[in-house]
Amino acid sequence: MKLFAGKEAEYRHRHDTIWPELTALLKAAGISDYTIFHDPVSNNLFGTMLVHNQEAVDALPQHPIMQKWWAYMADLMETNADHSPVNIPLIPVFYMA
């Protein structure tokens, strides 16, 4: 994902004060250990999470709370027409357990 320049502090603030109903929705969908990293040089954002219920996670874009959060965040980052964050899937090239 890509953060707009100068929006770093507000992006952090909005996540520091994330809506309880959004956190509950993500947990109910089986998401845990969710972390977002920020590269201050490129303003790229990289998120990782454990997914315990892929079908529930796949349904999140249709949920009104998720859509409301995306609209709330749209002024801070690159988004698609539906306000979902533009993201580029990454291909794993190494893993060590």
N, C-alpha and C. Protein backbone atom coordinates (compact mmCIF):
# COMPACT_ATOMS: atom_id res chain seq x y z
N MET A 1 0.86 -1.17 0.00
CA MET A 1 0.00 0.00 0.00
C MET A 1 0.90 1.23 0.00
N LYS A 2 0.35 2.36 -0.36
CA LYS A 2 1.16 3.58 -0.48
C LYS A 2 0.50 4.74 0.26
N LEU A 3 1.25 5.30 1.19
CA LEU A 3 0.80 6.44 1.99
C LEU A 3 1.18 7.73 1.27
N PHE A 4 0.30 8.72 1.31
CA PHE A 4 0.62 10.02 0.72
C PHE A 4 1.65 10.74 1.61
N ALA A 5 2.56 11.46 0.97
CA ALA A 5 3.58 12.22 1.70
C ALA A 5 2.91 13.21 2.64
N GLY A 6 3.47 13.33 3.83
CA GLY A 6 2.96 14.27 4.82
C GLY A 6 1.79 13.75 5.64
N LYS A 7 1.35 12.52 5.38
CA LYS A 7 0.19 11.95 6.07
C LYS A 7 0.59 10.91 7.11
N GLU A 8 1.88 10.77 7.36
CA GLU A 8 2.37 9.72 8.25
C GLU A 8 1.80 9.85 9.67
N ALA A 9 1.84 11.04 10.24
CA ALA A 9 1.37 11.23 11.62
C ALA A 9 -0.12 10.96 11.73
N GLU A 10 -0.89 11.41 10.77
CA GLU A 10 -2.34 11.18 10.81
C GLU A 10 -2.66 9.71 10.63
N TYR A 11 -1.92 9.03 9.76
CA TYR A 11 -2.13 7.59 9.56
C TYR A 11 -1.89 6.84 10.88
N ARG A 12 -0.80 7.18 11.55
CA ARG A 12 -0.50 6.55 12.84
C ARG A 12 -1.60 6.88 13.87
N HIS A 13 -2.01 8.15 13.92
CA HIS A 13 -3.05 8.57 14.87
C HIS A 13 -4.34 7.78 14.66
N ARG A 14 -4.76 7.65 13.41
CA ARG A 14 -6.01 6.93 13.14
C ARG A 14 -5.92 5.46 13.53
N HIS A 15 -4.74 4.88 13.41
CA HIS A 15 -4.59 3.49 13.85
C HIS A 15 -4.42 3.39 15.36
N ASP A 16 -3.85 4.40 15.98
CA ASP A 16 -3.76 4.41 17.45
C ASP A 16 -5.15 4.53 18.08
N THR A 17 -6.08 5.11 17.34
CA THR A 17 -7.44 5.28 17.84
C THR A 17 -8.44 4.49 16.99
N ILE A 18 -8.01 3.31 16.53
CA ILE A 18 -8.85 2.48 15.66
C ILE A 18 -10.19 2.21 16.33
N TRP A 19 -11.23 2.17 15.55
CA TRP A 19 -12.57 1.97 16.08
C TRP A 19 -12.71 0.59 16.71
N PRO A 20 -13.25 0.49 17.89
CA PRO A 20 -13.45 -0.82 18.53
C PRO A 20 -14.29 -1.76 17.68
N GLU A 21 -15.28 -1.23 16.96
CA GLU A 21 -16.11 -2.09 16.13
C GLU A 21 -15.34 -2.67 14.95
N LEU A 22 -14.32 -1.95 14.46
CA LEU A 22 -13.48 -2.48 13.39
C LEU A 22 -12.57 -3.57 13.94
N THR A 23 -11.97 -3.33 15.08
CA THR A 23 -11.13 -4.35 15.71
C THR A 23 -11.94 -5.62 15.97
N ALA A 24 -13.15 -5.47 16.47
CA ALA A 24 -14.01 -6.63 16.74
C ALA A 24 -14.34 -7.36 15.44
N LEU A 25 -14.61 -6.62 14.38
CA LEU A 25 -14.92 -7.23 13.08
C LEU A 25 -13.73 -8.04 12.56
N LEU A 26 -12.54 -7.47 12.63
CA LEU A 26 -11.34 -8.18 12.15
C LEU A 26 -11.10 -9.45 12.96
N LYS A 27 -11.22 -9.36 14.26
CA LYS A 27 -11.04 -10.54 15.11
C LYS A 27 -12.11 -11.59 14.82
N ALA A 28 -13.36 -11.16 14.63
CA ALA A 28 -14.44 -12.10 14.33
C ALA A 28 -14.21 -12.80 12.99
N ALA A 29 -13.50 -12.13 12.08
CA ALA A 29 -13.19 -12.71 10.79
C ALA A 29 -12.00 -13.67 10.87
N GLY A 30 -11.41 -13.80 12.05
CA GLY A 30 -10.30 -14.73 12.22
C GLY A 30 -8.93 -14.13 11.96
N ILE A 31 -8.82 -12.81 12.05
CA ILE A 31 -7.52 -12.15 11.86
C ILE A 31 -6.86 -11.97 13.22
N SER A 32 -5.58 -12.31 13.29
CA SER A 32 -4.79 -12.06 14.50
C SER A 32 -3.38 -11.66 14.09
N ASP A 33 -2.62 -11.20 15.05
CA ASP A 33 -1.23 -10.81 14.81
C ASP A 33 -1.09 -9.89 13.59
N TYR A 34 -1.93 -8.87 13.53
CA TYR A 34 -1.97 -7.93 12.42
C TYR A 34 -0.98 -6.80 12.69
N THR A 35 -0.04 -6.61 11.77
CA THR A 35 0.96 -5.55 11.89
C THR A 35 1.06 -4.81 10.57
N ILE A 36 1.17 -3.49 10.63
CA ILE A 36 1.43 -2.69 9.44
C ILE A 36 2.76 -1.98 9.65
N PHE A 37 3.65 -2.13 8.68
CA PHE A 37 4.97 -1.49 8.71
C PHE A 37 4.98 -0.34 7.73
N HIS A 38 5.75 0.71 8.04
CA HIS A 38 5.88 1.89 7.19
C HIS A 38 7.33 2.10 6.83
N ASP A 39 7.61 2.24 5.53
CA ASP A 39 8.95 2.61 5.06
C ASP A 39 8.94 4.12 4.83
N PRO A 40 9.60 4.90 5.71
CA PRO A 40 9.55 6.35 5.59
C PRO A 40 10.22 6.92 4.34
N VAL A 41 11.07 6.15 3.69
CA VAL A 41 11.73 6.63 2.47
C VAL A 41 10.77 6.58 1.28
N SER A 42 10.09 5.46 1.11
CA SER A 42 9.19 5.29 -0.04
C SER A 42 7.73 5.58 0.28
N ASN A 43 7.39 5.64 1.58
CA ASN A 43 6.02 5.77 2.07
C ASN A 43 5.18 4.53 1.75
N ASN A 44 5.85 3.43 1.47
CA ASN A 44 5.14 2.17 1.29
C ASN A 44 4.71 1.63 2.65
N LEU A 45 3.55 0.99 2.66
CA LEU A 45 3.04 0.30 3.84
C LEU A 45 3.02 -1.19 3.52
N PHE A 46 3.38 -1.99 4.49
CA PHE A 46 3.42 -3.43 4.32
C PHE A 46 2.70 -4.06 5.50
N GLY A 47 1.65 -4.79 5.24
CA GLY A 47 0.86 -5.40 6.31
C GLY A 47 1.02 -6.90 6.34
N THR A 48 1.06 -7.44 7.55
CA THR A 48 1.07 -8.88 7.75
C THR A 48 0.00 -9.23 8.76
N MET A 49 -0.57 -10.40 8.61
CA MET A 49 -1.57 -10.87 9.56
C MET A 49 -1.68 -12.39 9.44
N LEU A 50 -2.10 -12.99 10.53
CA LEU A 50 -2.46 -14.41 10.48
C LEU A 50 -3.95 -14.48 10.18
N VAL A 51 -4.31 -15.34 9.27
CA VAL A 51 -5.70 -15.50 8.86
C VAL A 51 -6.13 -16.92 9.23
N HIS A 52 -7.16 -16.99 10.06
CA HIS A 52 -7.65 -18.28 10.53
C HIS A 52 -8.94 -18.70 9.83
N ASN A 53 -9.55 -17.79 9.05
CA ASN A 53 -10.79 -18.09 8.35
C ASN A 53 -10.79 -17.28 7.06
N GLN A 54 -10.23 -17.84 6.00
CA GLN A 54 -10.07 -17.11 4.74
C GLN A 54 -11.42 -16.66 4.16
N GLU A 55 -12.45 -17.48 4.28
CA GLU A 55 -13.76 -17.10 3.75
C GLU A 55 -14.30 -15.86 4.44
N ALA A 56 -14.14 -15.77 5.75
CA ALA A 56 -14.60 -14.59 6.50
C ALA A 56 -13.79 -13.36 6.11
N VAL A 57 -12.50 -13.52 5.93
CA VAL A 57 -11.66 -12.39 5.51
C VAL A 57 -12.04 -11.94 4.10
N ASP A 58 -12.32 -12.89 3.22
CA ASP A 58 -12.73 -12.56 1.85
C ASP A 58 -14.05 -11.79 1.82
N ALA A 59 -14.89 -11.95 2.83
CA ALA A 59 -16.18 -11.25 2.90
C ALA A 59 -16.07 -9.85 3.49
N LEU A 60 -14.94 -9.49 4.09
CA LEU A 60 -14.80 -8.18 4.74
C LEU A 60 -15.07 -6.99 3.83
N PRO A 61 -14.66 -6.99 2.56
CA PRO A 61 -14.92 -5.82 1.72
C PRO A 61 -16.39 -5.45 1.58
N GLN A 62 -17.30 -6.38 1.79
CA GLN A 62 -18.72 -6.09 1.69
C GLN A 62 -19.32 -5.58 3.00
N HIS A 63 -18.56 -5.61 4.07
CA HIS A 63 -19.10 -5.22 5.38
C HIS A 63 -19.12 -3.69 5.50
N PRO A 64 -20.24 -3.12 5.97
CA PRO A 64 -20.34 -1.65 6.09
C PRO A 64 -19.25 -1.01 6.95
N ILE A 65 -18.82 -1.67 8.01
CA ILE A 65 -17.76 -1.09 8.85
C ILE A 65 -16.45 -1.00 8.08
N MET A 66 -16.14 -2.04 7.31
CA MET A 66 -14.92 -2.03 6.51
C MET A 66 -14.99 -0.93 5.46
N GLN A 67 -16.14 -0.80 4.79
CA GLN A 67 -16.30 0.25 3.78
C GLN A 67 -16.20 1.64 4.40
N LYS A 68 -16.74 1.81 5.59
CA LYS A 68 -16.66 3.10 6.29
C LYS A 68 -15.21 3.42 6.65
N TRP A 69 -14.43 2.43 7.11
CA TRP A 69 -13.02 2.64 7.44
C TRP A 69 -12.23 3.02 6.20
N TRP A 70 -12.47 2.32 5.10
CA TRP A 70 -11.75 2.65 3.86
C TRP A 70 -12.03 4.08 3.44
N ALA A 71 -13.29 4.51 3.51
CA ALA A 71 -13.62 5.89 3.15
C ALA A 71 -12.93 6.88 4.08
N TYR A 72 -12.87 6.54 5.36
CA TYR A 72 -12.21 7.37 6.37
C TYR A 72 -10.71 7.51 6.08
N MET A 73 -10.10 6.47 5.56
CA MET A 73 -8.65 6.46 5.32
C MET A 73 -8.27 6.94 3.92
N ALA A 74 -9.24 7.14 3.04
CA ALA A 74 -8.97 7.43 1.62
C ALA A 74 -8.17 8.72 1.39
N ASP A 75 -8.24 9.66 2.31
CA ASP A 75 -7.49 10.90 2.11
C ASP A 75 -6.02 10.77 2.49
N LEU A 76 -5.62 9.61 3.00
CA LEU A 76 -4.25 9.41 3.46
C LEU A 76 -3.40 8.53 2.56
N MET A 77 -4.06 7.77 1.66
CA MET A 77 -3.32 6.77 0.90
C MET A 77 -3.95 6.52 -0.46
N GLU A 78 -3.19 5.88 -1.33
CA GLU A 78 -3.72 5.53 -2.64
C GLU A 78 -4.85 4.51 -2.46
N THR A 79 -5.97 4.76 -3.16
CA THR A 79 -7.12 3.87 -3.04
C THR A 79 -7.70 3.57 -4.42
N ASN A 80 -8.49 2.49 -4.44
CA ASN A 80 -9.26 2.12 -5.61
C ASN A 80 -10.56 2.93 -5.60
N ALA A 81 -11.37 2.77 -6.64
CA ALA A 81 -12.63 3.50 -6.75
C ALA A 81 -13.56 3.26 -5.57
N ASP A 82 -13.50 2.06 -4.96
CA ASP A 82 -14.36 1.74 -3.81
C ASP A 82 -13.74 2.15 -2.48
N HIS A 83 -12.65 2.91 -2.54
CA HIS A 83 -11.89 3.40 -1.38
C HIS A 83 -11.02 2.32 -0.72
N SER A 84 -11.04 1.10 -1.21
CA SER A 84 -10.14 0.08 -0.66
C SER A 84 -8.70 0.49 -1.00
N PRO A 85 -7.76 0.19 -0.12
CA PRO A 85 -6.37 0.55 -0.40
C PRO A 85 -5.83 -0.16 -1.64
N VAL A 86 -5.11 0.57 -2.46
CA VAL A 86 -4.40 -0.07 -3.56
C VAL A 86 -3.33 -0.94 -2.92
N ASN A 87 -3.30 -2.20 -3.29
CA ASN A 87 -2.25 -3.07 -2.75
C ASN A 87 -1.72 -3.95 -3.86
N ILE A 88 -0.49 -4.35 -3.69
CA ILE A 88 0.19 -5.20 -4.66
C ILE A 88 0.56 -6.50 -3.94
N PRO A 89 -0.03 -7.61 -4.36
CA PRO A 89 0.33 -8.89 -3.72
C PRO A 89 1.82 -9.18 -3.92
N LEU A 90 2.44 -9.66 -2.89
CA LEU A 90 3.86 -10.01 -2.96
C LEU A 90 4.01 -11.53 -3.07
N ILE A 91 5.03 -11.95 -3.77
CA ILE A 91 5.29 -13.37 -3.97
C ILE A 91 6.36 -13.80 -2.98
N PRO A 92 6.05 -14.78 -2.12
CA PRO A 92 7.08 -15.25 -1.18
C PRO A 92 8.27 -15.85 -1.93
N VAL A 93 9.46 -15.49 -1.49
CA VAL A 93 10.67 -16.05 -2.10
C VAL A 93 11.54 -16.79 -1.10
N PHE A 94 11.22 -16.65 0.18
CA PHE A 94 11.98 -17.36 1.22
C PHE A 94 11.14 -17.44 2.47
N TYR A 95 11.20 -18.59 3.14
CA TYR A 95 10.55 -18.79 4.42
C TYR A 95 11.38 -19.77 5.23
N MET A 96 11.58 -19.46 6.50
CA MET A 96 12.27 -20.38 7.40
C MET A 96 11.45 -20.53 8.65
N ALA A 97 11.09 -21.76 8.97
CA ALA A 97 10.30 -22.02 10.18
C ALA A 97 11.23 -22.29 11.34
